[in-house]
N, C-alpha and C. Protein backbone atom coordinates (compact mmCIF):
# COMPACT_ATOMS: atom_id res chain seq x y z
N MET A 1 105.64 82.48 -82.23
CA MET A 1 106.48 81.32 -81.82
C MET A 1 105.69 80.20 -81.08
N ALA A 2 105.73 78.97 -81.62
CA ALA A 2 104.97 77.94 -81.12
C ALA A 2 105.65 77.41 -79.81
N GLU A 3 104.70 77.14 -78.85
CA GLU A 3 105.19 76.52 -77.68
C GLU A 3 105.43 75.07 -77.78
N ARG A 4 106.46 74.58 -77.25
CA ARG A 4 106.70 73.14 -77.19
C ARG A 4 105.92 72.47 -76.11
N ALA A 5 105.42 71.20 -76.61
CA ALA A 5 104.62 70.46 -75.57
C ALA A 5 105.64 69.85 -74.65
N THR A 6 105.33 69.92 -73.33
CA THR A 6 106.17 69.33 -72.29
C THR A 6 106.02 67.81 -72.42
N PRO A 7 107.07 67.12 -72.50
CA PRO A 7 106.98 65.65 -72.50
C PRO A 7 106.22 65.01 -71.27
N GLU A 8 105.48 64.11 -71.46
CA GLU A 8 104.75 63.36 -70.40
C GLU A 8 105.77 62.61 -69.66
N PRO A 9 105.67 62.57 -68.22
CA PRO A 9 106.51 61.72 -67.55
C PRO A 9 106.28 60.27 -67.90
N GLU A 10 107.40 59.59 -68.10
CA GLU A 10 107.30 58.18 -68.55
C GLU A 10 106.59 57.26 -67.59
N GLN A 11 105.64 56.58 -68.08
CA GLN A 11 104.97 55.56 -67.28
C GLN A 11 105.64 54.29 -67.44
N PRO A 12 105.67 53.41 -66.37
CA PRO A 12 106.36 52.11 -66.57
C PRO A 12 105.48 51.30 -67.49
N ASN A 13 106.23 50.58 -68.38
CA ASN A 13 105.34 49.77 -69.30
C ASN A 13 104.68 48.63 -68.69
N CYS A 14 103.89 47.87 -69.41
CA CYS A 14 102.98 46.79 -68.85
C CYS A 14 103.97 45.73 -68.14
N LEU A 15 105.02 45.41 -68.78
CA LEU A 15 105.90 44.35 -68.28
C LEU A 15 106.57 44.79 -66.93
N ALA A 16 106.91 45.94 -66.93
CA ALA A 16 107.57 46.49 -65.70
C ALA A 16 106.65 46.49 -64.52
N ARG A 17 105.29 46.84 -64.85
CA ARG A 17 104.32 46.90 -63.81
C ARG A 17 103.99 45.42 -63.27
N ILE A 18 103.92 44.53 -64.21
CA ILE A 18 103.78 43.06 -63.91
C ILE A 18 104.88 42.55 -62.98
N ILE A 19 106.04 42.95 -63.27
CA ILE A 19 107.19 42.41 -62.62
C ILE A 19 107.16 43.03 -61.07
N THR A 20 106.98 44.33 -61.15
CA THR A 20 106.82 45.00 -59.78
C THR A 20 105.68 44.43 -58.94
N ALA A 21 104.57 44.13 -59.50
CA ALA A 21 103.47 43.47 -58.75
C ALA A 21 103.89 42.13 -58.31
N PHE A 22 104.51 41.32 -59.19
CA PHE A 22 104.86 39.95 -58.81
C PHE A 22 105.86 39.96 -57.63
N THR A 23 106.85 40.92 -57.78
CA THR A 23 107.83 41.07 -56.65
C THR A 23 107.26 41.42 -55.40
N ARG A 24 106.14 42.29 -55.39
CA ARG A 24 105.46 42.63 -54.17
C ARG A 24 104.69 41.50 -53.59
N VAL A 25 104.04 40.79 -54.48
CA VAL A 25 103.30 39.54 -54.03
C VAL A 25 104.29 38.49 -53.35
N ARG A 26 105.39 38.30 -54.06
CA ARG A 26 106.32 37.27 -53.55
C ARG A 26 106.90 37.68 -52.16
N ARG A 27 107.26 38.98 -52.06
CA ARG A 27 107.77 39.47 -50.78
C ARG A 27 106.73 39.31 -49.72
N THR A 28 105.45 39.65 -50.00
CA THR A 28 104.44 39.48 -48.98
C THR A 28 104.17 38.10 -48.62
N MET A 29 104.31 37.11 -49.57
CA MET A 29 104.07 35.74 -49.24
C MET A 29 105.28 35.29 -48.36
N ARG A 30 106.46 35.77 -48.66
CA ARG A 30 107.51 35.37 -47.82
C ARG A 30 107.45 35.92 -46.41
N TYR A 31 107.02 37.09 -46.28
CA TYR A 31 106.64 37.58 -44.90
C TYR A 31 105.65 36.76 -44.16
N LEU A 32 104.61 36.36 -44.94
CA LEU A 32 103.55 35.56 -44.24
C LEU A 32 104.15 34.20 -43.94
N THR A 33 104.96 33.61 -44.77
CA THR A 33 105.46 32.33 -44.49
C THR A 33 106.39 32.41 -43.31
N ASP A 34 107.20 33.46 -43.21
CA ASP A 34 108.19 33.54 -42.07
C ASP A 34 107.26 33.76 -40.65
N ALA A 35 106.28 34.58 -40.77
CA ALA A 35 105.46 34.85 -39.65
C ALA A 35 104.72 33.57 -39.18
N THR A 36 104.22 32.71 -40.10
CA THR A 36 103.54 31.43 -39.85
C THR A 36 104.51 30.45 -39.25
N ASP A 37 105.80 30.37 -39.79
CA ASP A 37 106.80 29.55 -39.24
C ASP A 37 107.06 29.86 -37.79
N HIS A 38 107.24 31.21 -37.57
CA HIS A 38 107.54 31.64 -36.23
C HIS A 38 106.43 31.28 -35.21
N ALA A 39 105.22 31.54 -35.63
CA ALA A 39 104.04 31.19 -34.82
C ALA A 39 103.97 29.70 -34.48
N THR A 40 104.24 28.98 -35.53
CA THR A 40 104.31 27.49 -35.34
C THR A 40 105.38 26.98 -34.18
N LYS A 41 106.52 27.65 -34.37
CA LYS A 41 107.50 27.22 -33.38
C LYS A 41 107.07 27.67 -32.04
N LEU A 42 106.48 28.91 -31.85
CA LEU A 42 106.08 29.24 -30.53
C LEU A 42 104.98 28.33 -29.92
N LEU A 43 104.01 27.95 -30.89
CA LEU A 43 102.98 27.04 -30.27
C LEU A 43 103.52 25.71 -29.92
N GLN A 44 104.47 25.23 -30.79
CA GLN A 44 105.09 23.91 -30.39
C GLN A 44 105.81 24.03 -29.13
N ALA A 45 106.46 25.15 -28.87
CA ALA A 45 107.28 25.28 -27.57
C ALA A 45 106.26 25.25 -26.38
N LEU A 46 105.12 26.03 -26.69
CA LEU A 46 104.08 26.10 -25.56
C LEU A 46 103.41 24.72 -25.38
N ALA A 47 103.14 23.97 -26.45
CA ALA A 47 102.56 22.67 -26.30
C ALA A 47 103.42 21.62 -25.67
N SER A 48 104.79 21.77 -25.78
CA SER A 48 105.64 20.80 -25.14
C SER A 48 105.86 21.02 -23.61
N ARG A 49 105.43 22.20 -23.16
CA ARG A 49 105.55 22.54 -21.74
C ARG A 49 104.45 21.83 -20.96
N PRO A 50 104.69 21.39 -19.74
CA PRO A 50 103.58 20.86 -18.95
C PRO A 50 102.69 21.94 -18.52
N ILE A 51 101.38 21.52 -18.44
CA ILE A 51 100.36 22.56 -18.06
C ILE A 51 100.45 22.99 -16.64
N TRP A 52 100.76 22.01 -15.75
CA TRP A 52 100.66 22.34 -14.26
C TRP A 52 101.99 22.98 -13.99
C-alpha cells in the first residue's frame, strides 16, 4: 500500500506577501508620523515657555 504524501502547508503567494509587507510599512510610517507630531507639539510647548 502506497503512502500518501502529506500536503505542504500553503505558503502565501507573492501578491499576498507584498500586500502584507506594504501594510506593515504603512503602519510603521503612521506610527513614526504620530510620534514625530507628538514630539513637535511638546517642543513647541517648551519653546513657548519663558526660560526664567
